[in-house]
Every structure is written in C-alpha cells, then in structure tokens.
C-alpha cells in the first residue's frame, strides 16, 4: 500500500502553515484525493511535487517562477550514514557543553543563595536594631513609670501624714 499524507503532516514536515500547502495544491493543480470530511489526502507523487515546490520556495523563487515538469522533480531520499567516530565526537562535545552548562547553573545557584543569605543577614540586623530600640524605649518607660510611682507614693505618704496630724489635732480638742 502506498504511503499517503494529510495536509497537516506535510505542513509540519516542511515547517509551513497548512493553508500554504492547500494554496500550493490549488495553484499548481496538483491532483489530490479528498477524504470523507473534505481534507486533502496526498499520495506519494503529489508529495514529491509539494516537496519540489518547497525546495524552490526555500531558494527564494516565487510561485509564478516555479515550473512543475517531471524532469525537474528530483526526489532526494538518500539516507546519510554518519561514521561512528563523528557521532562519538559530537556526543563528546555535547557532554562537554552539558558539563559547562551544569557548572554555570551551579555558580548561578550559589550566587542566588549568597544574595539571599546577605539579604537575610541584613534583615536580621535590622530586626536586631529594632529590638535594641524597643529595649531602650521599654527601659525608659519603666524608669518614667517608676518615677511617677515614687511621686505618687510620696504624695500618698504626705497625705497620710496630714491626715494623721489632723486627727491628732482633732484628738487634742476632743474629749
């Protein structure tokens, strides 16, 4: 059975919009089947034509400049074999890049932690300063209250002394 593609699949492979594929099909009158819901079903021949159009558009040609003749449509389906040494070299380079990225990430994380620690230290110092001021204020208020209490006590004592004097004086004149 021959391979068939949907418009969405071809568009994804060519990295273009689905409407671009539909426009190419209509512009070049490429024969395509329609499925039951009215979407294009693209066979291999039509796929090859669309691939050729895509290659020409990538070269910078406009649709009016592209001619679809059988001689011009060349299908490149060669599978490229990459030597194992090349793959090993690329893999090694990729591992080195990953290591470098990991080191940079660790450094950045360390910097972030350092900044956070400095910020926390500053906040702790600020809280300590506020606590010292509060302690000074409490001590001041306690001394003021203590002075006031002493004055009140001394006033009460004076009042008691006067009352006692009045009683004694009253006792002298009373029988």
N, C-alpha and C. Protein backbone atom coordinates (compact mmCIF):
# COMPACT_ATOMS: atom_id res chain seq x y z
N UNK A 1 0.84 -1.17 0.00
CA UNK A 1 0.00 0.00 0.00
C UNK A 1 0.89 1.24 0.00
N UNK A 2 0.59 2.20 -0.87
CA UNK A 2 1.38 3.42 -0.99
C UNK A 2 1.12 4.33 0.20
N UNK A 3 2.15 5.03 0.57
CA UNK A 3 2.05 5.95 1.70
C UNK A 3 1.23 7.16 1.29
N UNK A 4 0.37 7.62 2.21
CA UNK A 4 -0.40 8.84 1.99
C UNK A 4 -0.20 9.76 3.19
N UNK A 5 -0.30 11.04 2.95
CA UNK A 5 -0.11 12.05 4.00
C UNK A 5 -1.34 12.93 4.09
N UNK A 6 -1.52 13.49 5.25
CA UNK A 6 -2.54 14.51 5.44
C UNK A 6 -1.86 15.87 5.27
N UNK A 7 -2.65 16.88 5.01
CA UNK A 7 -2.11 18.23 4.83
C UNK A 7 -1.32 18.66 6.06
N UNK A 8 -1.86 18.33 7.23
CA UNK A 8 -1.21 18.71 8.48
C UNK A 8 0.18 18.09 8.60
N UNK A 9 0.32 16.83 8.20
CA UNK A 9 1.60 16.13 8.29
C UNK A 9 2.64 16.75 7.35
N UNK A 10 2.20 17.05 6.11
CA UNK A 10 3.11 17.65 5.13
C UNK A 10 3.53 19.05 5.61
N UNK A 11 2.58 19.80 6.12
CA UNK A 11 2.88 21.15 6.60
C UNK A 11 3.88 21.10 7.75
N UNK A 12 3.70 20.15 8.66
CA UNK A 12 4.62 20.01 9.78
C UNK A 12 6.02 19.63 9.31
N UNK A 13 6.09 18.76 8.34
CA UNK A 13 7.39 18.32 7.83
C UNK A 13 8.13 19.45 7.12
N UNK A 14 7.39 20.26 6.35
CA UNK A 14 8.01 21.38 5.63
C UNK A 14 8.11 22.63 6.49
N UNK A 15 7.54 22.57 7.68
CA UNK A 15 7.53 23.71 8.61
C UNK A 15 6.86 24.94 7.98
N UNK A 16 5.69 24.70 7.39
CA UNK A 16 4.87 25.77 6.85
C UNK A 16 3.46 25.60 7.37
N UNK A 17 2.60 26.56 7.10
CA UNK A 17 1.22 26.50 7.54
C UNK A 17 0.42 25.56 6.64
N UNK A 18 -0.62 24.98 7.17
CA UNK A 18 -1.46 24.07 6.38
C UNK A 18 -2.08 24.79 5.19
N UNK A 19 -2.45 26.06 5.38
CA UNK A 19 -3.05 26.81 4.27
C UNK A 19 -2.05 27.02 3.14
N UNK A 20 -0.76 27.07 3.48
CA UNK A 20 0.26 27.18 2.43
C UNK A 20 0.26 25.94 1.56
N UNK A 21 0.17 24.77 2.16
CA UNK A 21 0.10 23.51 1.40
C UNK A 21 -1.15 23.51 0.52
N UNK A 22 -2.27 23.92 1.09
CA UNK A 22 -3.52 23.97 0.32
C UNK A 22 -3.41 24.95 -0.84
N UNK A 23 -2.76 26.09 -0.61
CA UNK A 23 -2.57 27.08 -1.67
C UNK A 23 -1.69 26.52 -2.79
N UNK A 24 -0.62 25.80 -2.44
CA UNK A 24 0.24 25.19 -3.45
C UNK A 24 -0.54 24.17 -4.28
N UNK A 25 -1.34 23.36 -3.61
CA UNK A 25 -2.12 22.34 -4.33
C UNK A 25 -3.05 23.00 -5.33
N UNK A 26 -3.72 24.07 -4.93
CA UNK A 26 -4.65 24.76 -5.83
C UNK A 26 -3.91 25.51 -6.93
N UNK A 27 -2.81 26.16 -6.60
CA UNK A 27 -2.07 26.96 -7.58
C UNK A 27 -1.49 26.07 -8.69
N UNK A 28 -0.95 24.93 -8.34
CA UNK A 28 -0.31 24.05 -9.32
C UNK A 28 -1.23 22.94 -9.81
N UNK A 29 -2.48 22.98 -9.40
CA UNK A 29 -3.47 21.95 -9.78
C UNK A 29 -2.93 20.54 -9.54
N UNK A 30 -2.41 20.33 -8.37
CA UNK A 30 -1.87 19.02 -8.00
C UNK A 30 -3.05 18.12 -7.66
N UNK A 31 -3.06 16.95 -8.27
CA UNK A 31 -4.17 16.03 -8.03
C UNK A 31 -4.03 15.39 -6.66
N UNK A 32 -5.06 15.59 -5.86
CA UNK A 32 -5.10 15.00 -4.53
C UNK A 32 -6.52 14.49 -4.28
N UNK A 33 -6.59 13.41 -3.57
CA UNK A 33 -7.89 12.87 -3.19
C UNK A 33 -8.42 13.68 -2.00
N UNK A 34 -9.71 13.69 -1.84
CA UNK A 34 -10.35 14.29 -0.67
C UNK A 34 -10.91 13.16 0.18
N UNK A 35 -10.73 13.26 1.49
CA UNK A 35 -11.30 12.23 2.37
C UNK A 35 -12.77 12.57 2.65
N UNK A 36 -13.38 11.79 3.51
CA UNK A 36 -14.82 11.93 3.77
C UNK A 36 -15.21 13.28 4.37
N UNK A 37 -14.26 13.97 5.03
CA UNK A 37 -14.58 15.27 5.62
C UNK A 37 -14.06 16.42 4.77
N UNK A 38 -13.56 16.14 3.59
CA UNK A 38 -13.15 17.18 2.66
C UNK A 38 -11.71 17.63 2.79
N UNK A 39 -10.90 16.88 3.52
CA UNK A 39 -9.48 17.23 3.66
C UNK A 39 -8.68 16.51 2.59
N UNK A 40 -7.55 17.12 2.20
CA UNK A 40 -6.69 16.52 1.19
C UNK A 40 -6.00 15.28 1.73
N UNK A 41 -5.94 14.25 0.88
CA UNK A 41 -5.14 13.07 1.15
C UNK A 41 -4.08 13.06 0.06
N UNK A 42 -2.83 13.21 0.45
CA UNK A 42 -1.74 13.44 -0.51
C UNK A 42 -0.99 12.14 -0.74
N UNK A 43 -0.96 11.70 -2.01
CA UNK A 43 -0.23 10.47 -2.34
C UNK A 43 1.24 10.80 -2.56
N UNK A 44 2.03 9.77 -2.89
CA UNK A 44 3.47 9.95 -2.99
C UNK A 44 3.86 10.88 -4.13
N UNK A 45 3.21 10.77 -5.27
CA UNK A 45 3.50 11.63 -6.42
C UNK A 45 3.23 13.09 -6.06
N UNK A 46 2.09 13.34 -5.46
CA UNK A 46 1.74 14.71 -5.06
C UNK A 46 2.69 15.21 -3.98
N UNK A 47 3.08 14.31 -3.10
CA UNK A 47 4.03 14.69 -2.04
C UNK A 47 5.36 15.12 -2.67
N UNK A 48 5.81 14.39 -3.68
CA UNK A 48 7.07 14.73 -4.34
C UNK A 48 6.98 16.11 -5.00
N UNK A 49 5.83 16.40 -5.62
CA UNK A 49 5.64 17.72 -6.24
C UNK A 49 5.67 18.82 -5.17
N UNK A 50 4.98 18.58 -4.07
CA UNK A 50 4.97 19.57 -2.99
C UNK A 50 6.37 19.76 -2.41
N UNK A 51 7.12 18.67 -2.32
CA UNK A 51 8.49 18.75 -1.81
C UNK A 51 9.35 19.60 -2.75
N UNK A 52 9.17 19.40 -4.05
CA UNK A 52 9.92 20.19 -5.03
C UNK A 52 9.55 21.67 -4.91
N UNK A 53 8.25 21.96 -4.78
CA UNK A 53 7.80 23.34 -4.64
C UNK A 53 8.43 23.96 -3.38
N UNK A 54 8.44 23.19 -2.29
CA UNK A 54 9.02 23.68 -1.04
C UNK A 54 10.50 24.01 -1.22
N UNK A 55 11.23 23.13 -1.91
CA UNK A 55 12.66 23.38 -2.16
C UNK A 55 12.86 24.65 -2.96
N UNK A 56 12.03 24.86 -3.98
CA UNK A 56 12.16 26.04 -4.83
C UNK A 56 11.80 27.32 -4.05
N UNK A 57 10.78 27.24 -3.22
CA UNK A 57 10.39 28.41 -2.42
C UNK A 57 11.50 28.75 -1.44
N UNK A 58 12.14 27.73 -0.85
CA UNK A 58 13.25 27.97 0.06
C UNK A 58 14.43 28.64 -0.65
N UNK A 59 14.56 28.37 -1.95
CA UNK A 59 15.63 29.02 -2.72
C UNK A 59 15.30 30.48 -3.01
N UNK A 60 14.05 30.88 -2.76
CA UNK A 60 13.67 32.28 -2.95
C UNK A 60 12.81 32.52 -4.16
N UNK A 61 12.40 31.46 -4.84
CA UNK A 61 11.57 31.63 -6.02
C UNK A 61 10.13 31.92 -5.60
N UNK A 62 9.43 32.62 -6.48
CA UNK A 62 8.01 32.86 -6.27
C UNK A 62 7.23 31.77 -6.98
N UNK A 63 5.97 31.61 -6.57
CA UNK A 63 5.16 30.53 -7.15
C UNK A 63 5.06 30.67 -8.67
N UNK A 64 5.01 31.88 -9.18
CA UNK A 64 4.91 32.10 -10.64
C UNK A 64 6.16 31.64 -11.37
N UNK A 65 7.28 31.62 -10.68
CA UNK A 65 8.54 31.24 -11.31
C UNK A 65 8.78 29.73 -11.30
N UNK A 66 7.99 28.99 -10.54
CA UNK A 66 8.22 27.55 -10.40
C UNK A 66 7.45 26.81 -11.48
N UNK A 67 8.17 25.93 -12.20
CA UNK A 67 7.55 25.10 -13.24
C UNK A 67 7.59 23.65 -12.78
N UNK A 68 6.45 22.98 -12.85
CA UNK A 68 6.39 21.57 -12.45
C UNK A 68 6.47 20.69 -13.70
N UNK A 69 7.66 20.23 -14.01
CA UNK A 69 7.82 19.25 -15.07
C UNK A 69 8.48 18.03 -14.48
N UNK A 70 8.26 16.88 -15.05
CA UNK A 70 8.76 15.63 -14.49
C UNK A 70 10.28 15.62 -14.41
N UNK A 71 10.95 16.28 -15.34
CA UNK A 71 12.41 16.27 -15.34
C UNK A 71 12.96 17.06 -14.15
N UNK A 72 12.24 18.12 -13.74
CA UNK A 72 12.75 18.97 -12.67
C UNK A 72 12.53 18.39 -11.29
N UNK A 73 11.53 17.52 -11.16
CA UNK A 73 11.22 16.97 -9.84
C UNK A 73 12.21 15.86 -9.52
N UNK A 74 13.12 16.18 -8.64
CA UNK A 74 14.14 15.23 -8.22
C UNK A 74 13.87 14.90 -6.76
N UNK A 75 13.76 13.66 -6.47
CA UNK A 75 13.47 13.22 -5.11
C UNK A 75 14.78 12.85 -4.44
N UNK A 76 15.01 13.48 -3.31
CA UNK A 76 16.21 13.18 -2.55
C UNK A 76 15.82 12.35 -1.34
N UNK A 77 15.95 11.04 -1.49
CA UNK A 77 15.63 10.15 -0.38
C UNK A 77 16.86 9.35 0.04
N UNK A 78 18.01 9.97 -0.09
CA UNK A 78 19.22 9.29 0.29
C UNK A 78 19.33 9.29 1.80
N UNK A 79 19.67 8.15 2.33
CA UNK A 79 19.92 8.08 3.76
C UNK A 79 21.41 8.30 3.97
N UNK A 80 21.71 9.26 4.79
CA UNK A 80 23.11 9.58 5.03
C UNK A 80 23.60 8.76 6.22
N UNK A 81 24.70 8.09 6.01
CA UNK A 81 25.32 7.32 7.08
C UNK A 81 26.41 8.19 7.69
N UNK A 82 26.36 8.34 8.98
CA UNK A 82 27.35 9.13 9.69
C UNK A 82 28.28 8.16 10.39
N UNK A 83 29.58 8.36 10.22
CA UNK A 83 30.54 7.45 10.86
C UNK A 83 30.42 7.52 12.38
N UNK A 84 30.72 6.40 13.00
CA UNK A 84 30.63 6.30 14.46
C UNK A 84 31.58 7.28 15.14
N UNK A 85 32.74 7.51 14.55
CA UNK A 85 33.71 8.44 15.15
C UNK A 85 33.12 9.87 15.19
N UNK A 86 32.40 10.23 14.14
CA UNK A 86 31.78 11.55 14.10
C UNK A 86 30.71 11.65 15.18
N UNK A 87 29.92 10.60 15.32
CA UNK A 87 28.89 10.59 16.36
C UNK A 87 29.52 10.66 17.75
N UNK A 88 30.60 9.91 17.94
CA UNK A 88 31.29 9.95 19.23
C UNK A 88 31.83 11.35 19.52
N UNK A 89 32.39 11.97 18.50
CA UNK A 89 32.93 13.32 18.67
C UNK A 89 31.81 14.32 19.03
N UNK A 90 30.70 14.24 18.31
CA UNK A 90 29.56 15.12 18.60
C UNK A 90 29.01 14.86 19.99
N UNK A 91 28.93 13.58 20.34
CA UNK A 91 28.42 13.21 21.67
C UNK A 91 29.34 13.77 22.76
N UNK A 92 30.66 13.65 22.53
CA UNK A 92 31.63 14.17 23.49
C UNK A 92 31.50 15.69 23.63
N UNK A 93 31.34 16.40 22.51
CA UNK A 93 31.16 17.85 22.55
C UNK A 93 29.89 18.20 23.31
N UNK A 94 28.83 17.44 23.07
CA UNK A 94 27.57 17.70 23.75
C UNK A 94 27.72 17.48 25.25
N UNK A 95 28.45 16.44 25.65
CA UNK A 95 28.68 16.20 27.07
C UNK A 95 29.48 17.34 27.70
N UNK A 96 30.48 17.85 26.97
CA UNK A 96 31.25 18.98 27.46
C UNK A 96 30.36 20.22 27.64
N UNK A 97 29.47 20.45 26.67
CA UNK A 97 28.56 21.58 26.78
C UNK A 97 27.62 21.41 27.97
N UNK A 98 27.16 20.20 28.17
CA UNK A 98 26.27 19.93 29.30
C UNK A 98 27.01 20.18 30.61
N UNK A 99 28.27 19.72 30.68
CA UNK A 99 29.08 19.97 31.89
C UNK A 99 29.27 21.47 32.13
N UNK A 100 29.56 22.21 31.07
CA UNK A 100 29.75 23.66 31.20
C UNK A 100 28.45 24.32 31.67
N UNK A 101 27.34 23.91 31.08
CA UNK A 101 26.04 24.46 31.50
C UNK A 101 25.74 24.12 32.95
N UNK A 102 26.10 22.89 33.34
CA UNK A 102 25.88 22.47 34.73
C UNK A 102 26.71 23.32 35.68
N UNK A 103 27.97 23.58 35.32
CA UNK A 103 28.83 24.42 36.16
C UNK A 103 28.28 25.84 36.26
N UNK A 104 27.83 26.38 35.13
CA UNK A 104 27.25 27.73 35.15
C UNK A 104 26.00 27.76 36.01
N UNK A 105 25.21 26.72 35.90
CA UNK A 105 23.98 26.64 36.70
C UNK A 105 24.31 26.58 38.19
N UNK A 106 25.32 25.78 38.54
CA UNK A 106 25.74 25.69 39.94
C UNK A 106 26.25 27.04 40.45
N UNK A 107 27.05 27.72 39.62
CA UNK A 107 27.57 29.03 40.00
C UNK A 107 26.43 30.01 40.21
N UNK A 108 25.48 29.99 39.30
CA UNK A 108 24.33 30.89 39.42
C UNK A 108 23.53 30.56 40.67
N UNK A 109 23.34 29.29 40.95
CA UNK A 109 22.61 28.89 42.15
C UNK A 109 23.36 29.35 43.40
N UNK A 110 24.68 29.21 43.39
CA UNK A 110 25.48 29.67 44.52
C UNK A 110 25.36 31.19 44.70
N UNK A 111 25.38 31.91 43.58
CA UNK A 111 25.22 33.37 43.65
C UNK A 111 23.87 33.74 44.25
N UNK A 112 22.84 33.04 43.81
CA UNK A 112 21.49 33.32 44.31
C UNK A 112 21.42 33.05 45.81
N UNK A 113 22.00 31.93 46.24
CA UNK A 113 21.99 31.59 47.66
C UNK A 113 22.77 32.64 48.45
N UNK A 114 23.90 33.08 47.91
CA UNK A 114 24.71 34.08 48.58
C UNK A 114 23.94 35.40 48.73
N UNK A 115 23.28 35.81 47.67
CA UNK A 115 22.49 37.04 47.73
C UNK A 115 21.36 36.90 48.74
N UNK A 116 20.72 35.75 48.75
CA UNK A 116 19.63 35.51 49.71
C UNK A 116 20.16 35.54 51.14
N UNK A 117 21.32 34.93 51.35
CA UNK A 117 21.90 34.93 52.70
C UNK A 117 22.25 36.35 53.14
N UNK A 118 22.82 37.14 52.25
CA UNK A 118 23.14 38.53 52.58
C UNK A 118 21.88 39.32 52.90
N UNK A 119 20.85 39.08 52.11
CA UNK A 119 19.57 39.76 52.35
C UNK A 119 19.00 39.37 53.71
N UNK A 120 19.04 38.06 54.01
CA UNK A 120 18.54 37.60 55.30
C UNK A 120 19.37 38.18 56.45
N UNK A 121 20.67 38.25 56.26
CA UNK A 121 21.55 38.81 57.29
C UNK A 121 21.19 40.27 57.55
N UNK A 122 20.96 41.01 56.47
CA UNK A 122 20.58 42.42 56.60
C UNK A 122 19.25 42.53 57.33
N UNK A 123 18.30 41.68 56.99
CA UNK A 123 17.00 41.71 57.67
C UNK A 123 17.15 41.37 59.15
N UNK A 124 18.00 40.40 59.46
CA UNK A 124 18.23 40.03 60.86
C UNK A 124 18.87 41.20 61.61
N UNK A 125 19.84 41.87 60.97
CA UNK A 125 20.47 43.04 61.59
C UNK A 125 19.43 44.14 61.83
N UNK A 126 18.57 44.36 60.85
CA UNK A 126 17.52 45.36 61.00
C UNK A 126 16.59 45.02 62.16
N UNK A 127 16.21 43.74 62.27
CA UNK A 127 15.35 43.31 63.37
C UNK A 127 16.08 43.51 64.70
N UNK A 128 17.38 43.20 64.75
CA UNK A 128 18.18 43.40 65.97
C UNK A 128 18.21 44.87 66.37
N UNK A 129 18.36 45.75 65.39
CA UNK A 129 18.36 47.19 65.66
C UNK A 129 17.02 47.63 66.23
N UNK A 130 15.95 47.15 65.64
CA UNK A 130 14.61 47.50 66.13
C UNK A 130 14.43 46.98 67.55
N UNK A 131 14.89 45.76 67.81
CA UNK A 131 14.77 45.20 69.17
C UNK A 131 15.55 46.03 70.19
N UNK A 132 16.76 46.48 69.80
CA UNK A 132 17.54 47.31 70.71
C UNK A 132 16.82 48.61 71.02
N UNK A 133 16.23 49.24 70.01
CA UNK A 133 15.48 50.48 70.22
C UNK A 133 14.27 50.23 71.11
N UNK A 134 13.59 49.11 70.87
CA UNK A 134 12.44 48.77 71.71
C UNK A 134 12.87 48.55 73.16
N UNK A 135 14.00 47.87 73.34
CA UNK A 135 14.51 47.64 74.70
C UNK A 135 14.83 48.96 75.39
N UNK A 136 15.48 49.88 74.67
CA UNK A 136 15.78 51.19 75.23
C UNK A 136 14.48 51.93 75.59
N UNK A 137 13.51 51.85 74.71
CA UNK A 137 12.23 52.54 74.94
C UNK A 137 11.51 51.94 76.16
N UNK A 138 11.53 50.62 76.26
CA UNK A 138 10.90 49.96 77.41
C UNK A 138 11.60 50.37 78.70
N UNK A 139 12.93 50.39 78.69
CA UNK A 139 13.69 50.81 79.88
C UNK A 139 13.35 52.24 80.26
N UNK A 140 13.27 53.11 79.26
CA UNK A 140 12.92 54.50 79.51
C UNK A 140 11.52 54.59 80.13
N UNK A 141 10.56 53.87 79.51
CA UNK A 141 9.19 53.90 80.02
C UNK A 141 9.10 53.33 81.44
N UNK A 142 9.86 52.27 81.70
CA UNK A 142 9.87 51.70 83.05
C UNK A 142 10.43 52.71 84.06
N UNK A 143 11.49 53.44 83.67
CA UNK A 143 12.06 54.44 84.60
C UNK A 143 11.07 55.58 84.83
N UNK A 144 10.38 56.01 83.76
CA UNK A 144 9.38 57.07 83.91
C UNK A 144 8.25 56.60 84.82
N UNK A 145 7.77 55.38 84.60
CA UNK A 145 6.69 54.83 85.43
C UNK A 145 7.15 54.72 86.88
N UNK A 146 8.38 54.25 87.08
CA UNK A 146 8.91 54.11 88.44
C UNK A 146 8.98 55.48 89.13
N UNK A 147 9.43 56.51 88.42
CA UNK A 147 9.47 57.86 88.98
C UNK A 147 8.06 58.33 89.35
N UNK A 148 7.13 58.10 88.44
CA UNK A 148 5.74 58.51 88.68
C UNK A 148 5.19 57.79 89.90
N UNK A 149 5.48 56.49 89.99
CA UNK A 149 5.00 55.72 91.14
C UNK A 149 5.61 56.26 92.44
N UNK A 150 6.90 56.60 92.38
CA UNK A 150 7.57 57.16 93.57
C UNK A 150 6.92 58.48 93.98
N UNK A 151 6.60 59.32 92.99
CA UNK A 151 5.95 60.58 93.29
C UNK A 151 4.58 60.35 93.89
N UNK A 152 3.85 59.38 93.31
CA UNK A 152 2.51 59.07 93.82
C UNK A 152 2.60 58.56 95.26
N UNK A 153 3.56 57.66 95.51
CA UNK A 153 3.74 57.11 96.85
C UNK A 153 4.10 58.23 97.82
N UNK A 154 5.00 59.13 97.40
CA UNK A 154 5.39 60.22 98.30
C UNK A 154 4.22 61.16 98.56
N UNK A 155 3.38 61.39 97.54
CA UNK A 155 2.20 62.22 97.73
C UNK A 155 1.21 61.55 98.67
N UNK A 156 1.05 60.24 98.51
CA UNK A 156 0.15 59.50 99.39
C UNK A 156 0.66 59.55 100.83
N UNK A 157 1.96 59.43 100.99
CA UNK A 157 2.54 59.50 102.33
C UNK A 157 2.31 60.87 102.95
N UNK A 158 2.51 61.92 102.16
CA UNK A 158 2.28 63.27 102.65
C UNK A 158 0.82 63.45 103.05
N UNK A 159 -0.07 62.88 102.21
CA UNK A 159 -1.49 62.99 102.51
C UNK A 159 -1.81 62.25 103.81
N UNK A 160 -1.21 61.08 103.98
CA UNK A 160 -1.44 60.32 105.20
C UNK A 160 -0.89 61.06 106.41
N UNK A 161 0.26 61.68 106.27
CA UNK A 161 0.85 62.45 107.37
C UNK A 161 -0.07 63.59 107.74
N UNK A 162 -0.62 64.31 106.75
CA UNK A 162 -1.53 65.42 107.03
C UNK A 162 -2.79 64.92 107.74
N UNK A 163 -3.28 63.77 107.24
CA UNK A 163 -4.49 63.22 107.88
C UNK A 163 -4.20 62.86 109.33
N UNK A 164 -3.05 62.25 109.54
CA UNK A 164 -2.66 61.89 110.92
C UNK A 164 -2.54 63.14 111.79
N UNK A 165 -1.94 64.20 111.25
CA UNK A 165 -1.79 65.44 112.01
C UNK A 165 -3.16 66.02 112.34
N UNK A 166 -4.08 65.97 111.42
CA UNK A 166 -5.41 66.49 111.65
C UNK A 166 -6.11 65.68 112.72
N UNK A 167 -5.92 64.38 112.69
CA UNK A 167 -6.55 63.53 113.70
C UNK A 167 -5.99 63.85 115.08
N UNK A 168 -4.69 63.95 115.13
CA UNK A 168 -4.08 64.25 116.42
C UNK A 168 -4.56 65.61 116.94
N UNK A 169 -4.61 66.55 116.03
CA UNK A 169 -5.06 67.87 116.41
C UNK A 169 -6.52 67.82 116.88
N UNK A 170 -7.29 67.03 116.14
CA UNK A 170 -8.70 66.88 116.50
C UNK A 170 -8.83 66.14 117.82
N UNK A 171 -7.95 65.19 118.08
CA UNK A 171 -7.99 64.43 119.32
C UNK A 171 -7.64 65.32 120.52
N UNK A 172 -6.78 66.26 120.30
CA UNK A 172 -6.39 67.17 121.37
C UNK A 172 -7.61 67.94 121.85
N UNK A 173 -8.42 68.41 120.92
CA UNK A 173 -9.57 69.24 121.29
C UNK A 173 -10.80 68.43 121.60
N UNK A 174 -10.77 67.18 121.35
CA UNK A 174 -11.96 66.40 121.66
C UNK A 174 -11.76 65.60 122.94
N UNK A 175 -12.81 65.37 123.69
CA UNK A 175 -12.69 64.65 124.98
C UNK A 175 -13.17 63.30 124.86
